[in-house]
Amino acid sequence: MSEEDAPLPEDEQKQLALRIILEAWEDALSQGVSAEMVASSAIFAALTDMIEHYGEEPVAEMVAEWPDRIRNSEFTLSQDEQFSS
């Protein structure tokens, strides 16, 4: 595998993936899709993909931890983080 074919480091993959998803999110909003519909569809897509890869029980266990993580602001982005490139 050449250096060009090497996968990006995990932190760079996460940043790139989030940037691409947020751009698609903004595109959907600009085309008239409600934010709630985009959010619901994104969660559905993420969960179905994760279940396909990990199975129902591991994903259910992960989701069971979400209330505490949400309350601890793990999913809260500041405006600066949300739109930085």
PDB file of N, CA and C in Angstrom:
ATOM      1  N   MET A   1       0.854  -1.176   0.000  1.00  0.00           N
ATOM      2  CA  MET A   1       0.000   0.000   0.000  1.00  0.00           C
ATOM      3  C   MET A   1       0.895   1.233   0.000  1.00  0.00           C
ATOM      4  N   SER A   2       0.665   2.114  -0.942  1.00  0.00           N
ATOM      5  CA  SER A   2       1.459   3.326  -1.015  1.00  0.00           C
ATOM      6  C   SER A   2       0.965   4.330   0.009  1.00  0.00           C
ATOM      7  N   GLU A   3       1.764   5.367   0.240  1.00  0.00           N
ATOM      8  CA  GLU A   3       1.380   6.408   1.196  1.00  0.00           C
ATOM      9  C   GLU A   3       0.098   7.102   0.748  1.00  0.00           C
ATOM     10  N   GLU A   4      -0.092   7.237  -0.584  1.00  0.00           N
ATOM     11  CA  GLU A   4      -1.294   7.866  -1.109  1.00  0.00           C
ATOM     12  C   GLU A   4      -2.542   7.035  -0.810  1.00  0.00           C
ATOM     13  N   ASP A   5      -2.388   5.697  -0.749  1.00  0.00           N
ATOM     14  CA  ASP A   5      -3.515   4.804  -0.502  1.00  0.00           C
ATOM     15  C   ASP A   5      -3.782   4.591   0.990  1.00  0.00           C
ATOM     16  N   ALA A   6      -2.880   5.048   1.844  1.00  0.00           N
ATOM     17  CA  ALA A   6      -3.028   4.834   3.280  1.00  0.00           C
ATOM     18  C   ALA A   6      -4.254   5.582   3.787  1.00  0.00           C
ATOM     19  N   PRO A   7      -5.026   4.951   4.674  1.00  0.00           N
ATOM     20  CA  PRO A   7      -6.197   5.654   5.218  1.00  0.00           C
ATOM     21  C   PRO A   7      -5.763   6.840   6.069  1.00  0.00           C
ATOM     22  N   LEU A   8      -6.643   7.814   6.155  1.00  0.00           N
ATOM     23  CA  LEU A   8      -6.383   8.968   7.004  1.00  0.00           C
ATOM     24  C   LEU A   8      -6.363   8.533   8.458  1.00  0.00           C
ATOM     25  N   PRO A   9      -5.635   9.248   9.293  1.00  0.00           N
ATOM     26  CA  PRO A   9      -5.707   8.972  10.733  1.00  0.00           C
ATOM     27  C   PRO A   9      -7.154   9.131  11.207  1.00  0.00           C
ATOM     28  N   GLU A  10      -7.512   8.417  12.268  1.00  0.00           N
ATOM     29  CA  GLU A  10      -8.896   8.395  12.744  1.00  0.00           C
ATOM     30  C   GLU A  10      -9.454   9.782  13.027  1.00  0.00           C
ATOM     31  N   ASP A  11      -8.669  10.650  13.658  1.00  0.00           N
ATOM     32  CA  ASP A  11      -9.187  11.982  13.983  1.00  0.00           C
ATOM     33  C   ASP A  11      -9.472  12.783  12.716  1.00  0.00           C
ATOM     34  N   GLU A  12      -8.641  12.618  11.683  1.00  0.00           N
ATOM     35  CA  GLU A  12      -8.885  13.312  10.417  1.00  0.00           C
ATOM     36  C   GLU A  12     -10.105  12.738   9.704  1.00  0.00           C
ATOM     37  N   GLN A  13     -10.295  11.417   9.800  1.00  0.00           N
ATOM     38  CA  GLN A  13     -11.484  10.796   9.216  1.00  0.00           C
ATOM     39  C   GLN A  13     -12.748  11.345   9.864  1.00  0.00           C
ATOM     40  N   LYS A  14     -12.736  11.462  11.191  1.00  0.00           N
ATOM     41  CA  LYS A  14     -13.908  11.977  11.903  1.00  0.00           C
ATOM     42  C   LYS A  14     -14.204  13.412  11.492  1.00  0.00           C
ATOM     43  N   GLN A  15     -13.166  14.246  11.407  1.00  0.00           N
ATOM     44  CA  GLN A  15     -13.362  15.641  11.026  1.00  0.00           C
ATOM     45  C   GLN A  15     -13.901  15.751   9.607  1.00  0.00           C
ATOM     46  N   LEU A  16     -13.337  14.973   8.688  1.00  0.00           N
ATOM     47  CA  LEU A  16     -13.778  15.005   7.301  1.00  0.00           C
ATOM     48  C   LEU A  16     -15.211  14.497   7.177  1.00  0.00           C
ATOM     49  N   ALA A  17     -15.510  13.386   7.833  1.00  0.00           N
ATOM     50  CA  ALA A  17     -16.862  12.829   7.776  1.00  0.00           C
ATOM     51  C   ALA A  17     -17.876  13.827   8.313  1.00  0.00           C
ATOM     52  N   LEU A  18     -17.588  14.453   9.454  1.00  0.00           N
ATOM     53  CA  LEU A  18     -18.512  15.418  10.033  1.00  0.00           C
ATOM     54  C   LEU A  18     -18.701  16.607   9.107  1.00  0.00           C
ATOM     55  N   ARG A  19     -17.622  17.094   8.510  1.00  0.00           N
ATOM     56  CA  ARG A  19     -17.734  18.236   7.595  1.00  0.00           C
ATOM     57  C   ARG A  19     -18.617  17.883   6.400  1.00  0.00           C
ATOM     58  N   ILE A  20     -18.434  16.702   5.826  1.00  0.00           N
ATOM     59  CA  ILE A  20     -19.232  16.277   4.676  1.00  0.00           C
ATOM     60  C   ILE A  20     -20.701  16.132   5.066  1.00  0.00           C
ATOM     61  N   ILE A  21     -20.953  15.531   6.217  1.00  0.00           N
ATOM     62  CA  ILE A  21     -22.335  15.355   6.673  1.00  0.00           C
ATOM     63  C   ILE A  21     -22.995  16.703   6.939  1.00  0.00           C
ATOM     64  N   LEU A  22     -22.285  17.629   7.584  1.00  0.00           N
ATOM     65  CA  LEU A  22     -22.858  18.944   7.855  1.00  0.00           C
ATOM     66  C   LEU A  22     -23.133  19.710   6.570  1.00  0.00           C
ATOM     67  N   GLU A  23     -22.291  19.540   5.562  1.00  0.00           N
ATOM     68  CA  GLU A  23     -22.537  20.183   4.268  1.00  0.00           C
ATOM     69  C   GLU A  23     -23.795  19.605   3.620  1.00  0.00           C
ATOM     70  N   ALA A  24     -23.960  18.282   3.678  1.00  0.00           N
ATOM     71  CA  ALA A  24     -25.168  17.647   3.126  1.00  0.00           C
ATOM     72  C   ALA A  24     -26.397  18.100   3.907  1.00  0.00           C
ATOM     73  N   TRP A  25     -26.247  18.228   5.214  1.00  0.00           N
ATOM     74  CA  TRP A  25     -27.336  18.685   6.082  1.00  0.00           C
ATOM     75  C   TRP A  25     -27.785  20.077   5.636  1.00  0.00           C
ATOM     76  N   GLU A  26     -26.832  20.974   5.466  1.00  0.00           N
ATOM     77  CA  GLU A  26     -27.149  22.341   5.036  1.00  0.00           C
ATOM     78  C   GLU A  26     -27.789  22.342   3.652  1.00  0.00           C
ATOM     79  N   ASP A  27     -27.344  21.474   2.773  1.00  0.00           N
ATOM     80  CA  ASP A  27     -27.920  21.363   1.439  1.00  0.00           C
ATOM     81  C   ASP A  27     -29.382  20.940   1.536  1.00  0.00           C
ATOM     82  N   ALA A  28     -29.668  19.960   2.372  1.00  0.00           N
ATOM     83  CA  ALA A  28     -31.055  19.511   2.551  1.00  0.00           C
ATOM     84  C   ALA A  28     -31.919  20.643   3.092  1.00  0.00           C
ATOM     85  N   LEU A  29     -31.409  21.382   4.072  1.00  0.00           N
ATOM     86  CA  LEU A  29     -32.162  22.511   4.622  1.00  0.00           C
ATOM     87  C   LEU A  29     -32.442  23.553   3.546  1.00  0.00           C
ATOM     88  N   SER A  30     -31.440  23.828   2.713  1.00  0.00           N
ATOM     89  CA  SER A  30     -31.611  24.849   1.670  1.00  0.00           C
ATOM     90  C   SER A  30     -32.605  24.414   0.603  1.00  0.00           C
ATOM     91  N   GLN A  31     -32.868  23.094   0.528  1.00  0.00           N
ATOM     92  CA  GLN A  31     -33.837  22.593  -0.444  1.00  0.00           C
ATOM     93  C   GLN A  31     -35.230  22.427   0.171  1.00  0.00           C
ATOM     94  N   GLY A  32     -35.386  22.865   1.414  1.00  0.00           N
ATOM     95  CA  GLY A  32     -36.701  22.879   2.029  1.00  0.00           C
ATOM     96  C   GLY A  32     -37.012  21.732   2.973  1.00  0.00           C
ATOM     97  N   VAL A  33     -36.040  20.882   3.255  1.00  0.00           N
ATOM     98  CA  VAL A  33     -36.268  19.802   4.203  1.00  0.00           C
ATOM     99  C   VAL A  33     -36.132  20.380   5.617  1.00  0.00           C
ATOM    100  N   SER A  34     -37.048  20.026   6.497  1.00  0.00           N
ATOM    101  CA  SER A  34     -36.989  20.559   7.860  1.00  0.00           C
ATOM    102  C   SER A  34     -35.795  19.965   8.610  1.00  0.00           C
ATOM    103  N   ALA A  35     -35.281  20.726   9.549  1.00  0.00           N
ATOM    104  CA  ALA A  35     -34.147  20.258  10.356  1.00  0.00           C
ATOM    105  C   ALA A  35     -34.510  18.981  11.110  1.00  0.00           C
ATOM    106  N   GLU A  36     -35.738  18.900  11.591  1.00  0.00           N
ATOM    107  CA  GLU A  36     -36.172  17.709  12.318  1.00  0.00           C
ATOM    108  C   GLU A  36     -36.170  16.473  11.429  1.00  0.00           C
ATOM    109  N   MET A  37     -36.576  16.628  10.155  1.00  0.00           N
ATOM    110  CA  MET A  37     -36.598  15.507   9.222  1.00  0.00           C
ATOM    111  C   MET A  37     -35.166  15.084   8.874  1.00  0.00           C
ATOM    112  N   VAL A  38     -34.281  16.042   8.703  1.00  0.00           N
ATOM    113  CA  VAL A  38     -32.884  15.719   8.414  1.00  0.00           C
ATOM    114  C   VAL A  38     -32.280  14.973   9.597  1.00  0.00           C
ATOM    115  N   ALA A  39     -32.537  15.466  10.801  1.00  0.00           N
ATOM    116  CA  ALA A  39     -31.993  14.832  12.001  1.00  0.00           C
ATOM    117  C   ALA A  39     -32.516  13.411  12.157  1.00  0.00           C
ATOM    118  N   SER A  40     -33.799  13.239  12.009  1.00  0.00           N
ATOM    119  CA  SER A  40     -34.401  11.916  12.139  1.00  0.00           C
ATOM    120  C   SER A  40     -33.840  10.953  11.106  1.00  0.00           C
ATOM    121  N   SER A  41     -33.704  11.422   9.873  1.00  0.00           N
ATOM    122  CA  SER A  41     -33.168  10.580   8.802  1.00  0.00           C
ATOM    123  C   SER A  41     -31.703  10.240   9.040  1.00  0.00           C
ATOM    124  N   ALA A  42     -30.938  11.189   9.552  1.00  0.00           N
ATOM    125  CA  ALA A  42     -29.521  10.939   9.828  1.00  0.00           C
ATOM    126  C   ALA A  42     -29.355   9.909  10.939  1.00  0.00           C
ATOM    127  N   ILE A  43     -30.155  10.031  11.992  1.00  0.00           N
ATOM    128  CA  ILE A  43     -30.084   9.053  13.084  1.00  0.00           C
ATOM    129  C   ILE A  43     -30.484   7.677  12.580  1.00  0.00           C
ATOM    130  N   PHE A  44     -31.559   7.605  11.794  1.00  0.00           N
ATOM    131  CA  PHE A  44     -32.004   6.333  11.238  1.00  0.00           C
ATOM    132  C   PHE A  44     -30.899   5.701  10.389  1.00  0.00           C
ATOM    133  N   ALA A  45     -30.295   6.499   9.498  1.00  0.00           N
ATOM    134  CA  ALA A  45     -29.235   5.983   8.627  1.00  0.00           C
ATOM    135  C   ALA A  45     -28.042   5.493   9.441  1.00  0.00           C
ATOM    136  N   ALA A  46     -27.663   6.258  10.456  1.00  0.00           N
ATOM    137  CA  ALA A  46     -26.522   5.874  11.287  1.00  0.00           C
ATOM    138  C   ALA A  46     -26.806   4.578  12.043  1.00  0.00           C
ATOM    139  N   LEU A  47     -27.976   4.492  12.641  1.00  0.00           N
ATOM    140  CA  LEU A  47     -28.301   3.295  13.421  1.00  0.00           C
ATOM    141  C   LEU A  47     -28.407   2.056  12.539  1.00  0.00           C
ATOM    142  N   THR A  48     -29.042   2.172  11.369  1.00  0.00           N
ATOM    143  CA  THR A  48     -29.151   0.995  10.509  1.00  0.00           C
ATOM    144  C   THR A  48     -27.784   0.523  10.045  1.00  0.00           C
ATOM    145  N   ASP A  49     -26.882   1.462   9.753  1.00  0.00           N
ATOM    146  CA  ASP A  49     -25.535   1.090   9.346  1.00  0.00           C
ATOM    147  C   ASP A  49     -24.768   0.441  10.492  1.00  0.00           C
ATOM    148  N   MET A  50     -24.884   1.003  11.682  1.00  0.00           N
ATOM    149  CA  MET A  50     -24.188   0.444  12.837  1.00  0.00           C
ATOM    150  C   MET A  50     -24.708  -0.943  13.184  1.00  0.00           C
ATOM    151  N   ILE A  51     -26.022  -1.134  13.103  1.00  0.00           N
ATOM    152  CA  ILE A  51     -26.600  -2.454  13.378  1.00  0.00           C
ATOM    153  C   ILE A  51     -26.104  -3.471  12.358  1.00  0.00           C
ATOM    154  N   GLU A  52     -26.010  -3.054  11.110  1.00  0.00           N
ATOM    155  CA  GLU A  52     -25.500  -3.955  10.070  1.00  0.00           C
ATOM    156  C   GLU A  52     -24.067  -4.392  10.386  1.00  0.00           C
ATOM    157  N   HIS A  53     -23.257  -3.480  10.910  1.00  0.00           N
ATOM    158  CA  HIS A  53     -21.849  -3.781  11.184  1.00  0.00           C
ATOM    159  C   HIS A  53     -21.615  -4.462  12.530  1.00  0.00           C
ATOM    160  N   TYR A  54     -22.363  -4.059  13.565  1.00  0.00           N
ATOM    161  CA  TYR A  54     -22.086  -4.532  14.925  1.00  0.00           C
ATOM    162  C   TYR A  54     -23.154  -5.441  15.522  1.00  0.00           C
ATOM    163  N   GLY A  55     -24.366  -5.388  14.972  1.00  0.00           N
ATOM    164  CA  GLY A  55     -25.458  -6.171  15.517  1.00  0.00           C
ATOM    165  C   GLY A  55     -26.349  -5.339  16.416  1.00  0.00           C
ATOM    166  N   GLU A  56     -27.540  -5.855  16.651  1.00  0.00           N
ATOM    167  CA  GLU A  56     -28.533  -5.103  17.401  1.00  0.00           C
ATOM    168  C   GLU A  56     -28.162  -4.889  18.868  1.00  0.00           C
ATOM    169  N   GLU A  57     -27.709  -5.935  19.544  1.00  0.00           N
ATOM    170  CA  GLU A  57     -27.448  -5.806  20.982  1.00  0.00           C
ATOM    171  C   GLU A  57     -26.328  -4.807  21.296  1.00  0.00           C
ATOM    172  N   PRO A  58     -25.161  -4.867  20.616  1.00  0.00           N
ATOM    173  CA  PRO A  58     -24.127  -3.869  20.913  1.00  0.00           C
ATOM    174  C   PRO A  58     -24.587  -2.433  20.645  1.00  0.00           C
ATOM    175  N   VAL A  59     -25.378  -2.237  19.598  1.00  0.00           N
ATOM    176  CA  VAL A  59     -25.871  -0.889  19.306  1.00  0.00           C
ATOM    177  C   VAL A  59     -26.898  -0.465  20.357  1.00  0.00           C
ATOM    178  N   ALA A  60     -27.761  -1.388  20.773  1.00  0.00           N
ATOM    179  CA  ALA A  60     -28.725  -1.068  21.829  1.00  0.00           C
ATOM    180  C   ALA A  60     -28.006  -0.673  23.114  1.00  0.00           C
ATOM    181  N   GLU A  61     -26.927  -1.371  23.446  1.00  0.00           N
ATOM    182  CA  GLU A  61     -26.164  -1.026  24.653  1.00  0.00           C
ATOM    183  C   GLU A  61     -25.528   0.350  24.513  1.00  0.00           C
ATOM    184  N   MET A  62     -25.011   0.664  23.325  1.00  0.00           N
ATOM    185  CA  MET A  62     -24.409   1.973  23.101  1.00  0.00           C
ATOM    186  C   MET A  62     -25.455   3.076  23.247  1.00  0.00           C
ATOM    187  N   VAL A  63     -26.615   2.865  22.632  1.00  0.00           N
ATOM    188  CA  VAL A  63     -27.675   3.870  22.678  1.00  0.00           C
ATOM    189  C   VAL A  63     -28.191   4.061  24.105  1.00  0.00           C
ATOM    190  N   ALA A  64     -28.159   3.021  24.911  1.00  0.00           N
ATOM    191  CA  ALA A  64     -28.611   3.126  26.299  1.00  0.00           C
ATOM    192  C   ALA A  64     -27.760   4.114  27.093  1.00  0.00           C
ATOM    193  N   GLU A  65     -26.539   4.364  26.650  1.00  0.00           N
ATOM    194  CA  GLU A  65     -25.646   5.309  27.327  1.00  0.00           C
ATOM    195  C   GLU A  65     -25.861   6.753  26.864  1.00  0.00           C
ATOM    196  N   TRP A  66     -26.641   6.960  25.822  1.00  0.00           N
ATOM    197  CA  TRP A  66     -26.812   8.292  25.254  1.00  0.00           C
ATOM    198  C   TRP A  66     -27.375   9.335  26.206  1.00  0.00           C
ATOM    199  N   PRO A  67     -28.371   9.029  27.039  1.00  0.00           N
ATOM    200  CA  PRO A  67     -28.891  10.103  27.896  1.00  0.00           C
ATOM    201  C   PRO A  67     -27.808  10.775  28.749  1.00  0.00           C
ATOM    202  N   ASP A  68     -26.958   9.992  29.374  1.00  0.00           N
ATOM    203  CA  ASP A  68     -25.891  10.579  30.192  1.00  0.00           C
ATOM    204  C   ASP A  68     -24.894  11.353  29.328  1.00  0.00           C
ATOM    205  N   ARG A  69     -24.559  10.808  28.182  1.00  0.00           N
ATOM    206  CA  ARG A  69     -23.609  11.479  27.294  1.00  0.00           C
ATOM    207  C   ARG A  69     -24.181  12.791  26.774  1.00  0.00           C
ATOM    208  N   ILE A  70     -25.475  12.801  26.462  1.00  0.00           N
ATOM    209  CA  ILE A  70     -26.123  14.034  26.004  1.00  0.00           C
ATOM    210  C   ILE A  70     -26.115  15.067  27.123  1.00  0.00           C
ATOM    211  N   ARG A  71     -26.449  14.628  28.329  1.00  0.00           N
ATOM    212  CA  ARG A  71     -26.456  15.548  29.474  1.00  0.00           C
ATOM    213  C   ARG A  71     -25.057  16.077  29.789  1.00  0.00           C
ATOM    214  N   ASN A  72     -24.019  15.320  29.425  1.00  0.00           N
ATOM    215  CA  ASN A  72     -22.635  15.750  29.633  1.00  0.00           C
ATOM    216  C   ASN A  72     -22.089  16.543  28.453  1.00  0.00           C
ATOM    217  N   SER A  73     -22.964  16.928  27.536  1.00  0.00           N
ATOM    218  CA  SER A  73     -22.638  17.795  26.386  1.00  0.00           C
ATOM    219  C   SER A  73     -21.685  17.171  25.379  1.00  0.00           C
ATOM    220  N   GLU A  74     -21.601  15.841  25.350  1.00  0.00           N
ATOM    221  CA  GLU A  74     -20.701  15.205  24.389  1.00  0.00           C
ATOM    222  C   GLU A  74     -21.124  15.425  22.939  1.00  0.00           C
ATOM    223  N   PHE A  75     -22.392  15.717  22.708  1.00  0.00           N
ATOM    224  CA  PHE A  75     -22.890  15.903  21.352  1.00  0.00           C
ATOM    225  C   PHE A  75     -23.198  17.365  21.044  1.00  0.00           C
ATOM    226  N   THR A  76     -22.823  18.255  21.943  1.00  0.00           N
ATOM    227  CA  THR A  76     -23.084  19.673  21.756  1.00  0.00           C
ATOM    228  C   THR A  76     -21.868  20.323  21.102  1.00  0.00           C
ATOM    229  N   LEU A  77     -22.105  20.886  19.913  1.00  0.00           N
ATOM    230  CA  LEU A  77     -21.033  21.581  19.206  1.00  0.00           C
ATOM    231  C   LEU A  77     -21.223  23.079  19.344  1.00  0.00           C
ATOM    232  N   SER A  78     -20.126  23.770  19.532  1.00  0.00           N
ATOM    233  CA  SER A  78     -20.223  25.227  19.509  1.00  0.00           C
ATOM    234  C   SER A  78     -20.354  25.653  18.054  1.00  0.00           C
ATOM    235  N   GLN A  79     -20.832  26.846  17.826  1.00  0.00           N
ATOM    236  CA  GLN A  79     -20.946  27.347  16.461  1.00  0.00           C
ATOM    237  C   GLN A  79     -19.598  27.330  15.733  1.00  0.00           C
ATOM    238  N   ASP A  80     -18.520  27.639  16.433  1.00  0.00           N
ATOM    239  CA  ASP A  80     -17.195  27.666  15.822  1.00  0.00           C
ATOM    240  C   ASP A  80     -16.802  26.266  15.339  1.00  0.00           C
ATOM    241  N   GLU A  81     -17.025  25.233  16.161  1.00  0.00           N
ATOM    242  CA  GLU A  81     -16.674  23.872  15.777  1.00  0.00           C
ATOM    243  C   GLU A  81     -17.546  23.370  14.645  1.00  0.00           C
ATOM    244  N   GLN A  82     -18.819  23.755  14.653  1.00  0.00           N
ATOM    245  CA  GLN A  82     -19.770  23.238  13.695  1.00  0.00           C
ATOM    246  C   GLN A  82     -19.432  23.647  12.265  1.00  0.00           C
ATOM    247  N   PHE A  83     -18.943  24.843  12.090  1.00  0.00           N
ATOM    248  CA  PHE A  83     -18.761  25.332  10.730  1.00  0.00           C
ATOM    249  C   PHE A  83     -17.313  25.617  10.373  1.00  0.00           C
ATOM    250  N   SER A  84     -16.369  25.142  11.163  1.00  0.00           N
ATOM    251  CA  SER A  84     -14.966  25.338  10.797  1.00  0.00           C
ATOM    252  C   SER A  84     -14.574  24.295   9.772  1.00  0.00           C
ATOM    253  N   SER A  85     -13.715  24.676   8.870  1.00  0.00           N
ATOM    254  CA  SER A  85     -13.300  23.748   7.811  1.00  0.00           C
ATOM    255  C   SER A  85     -11.860  23.369   7.969  1.00  0.00           C
TER     256      SER A  85
END
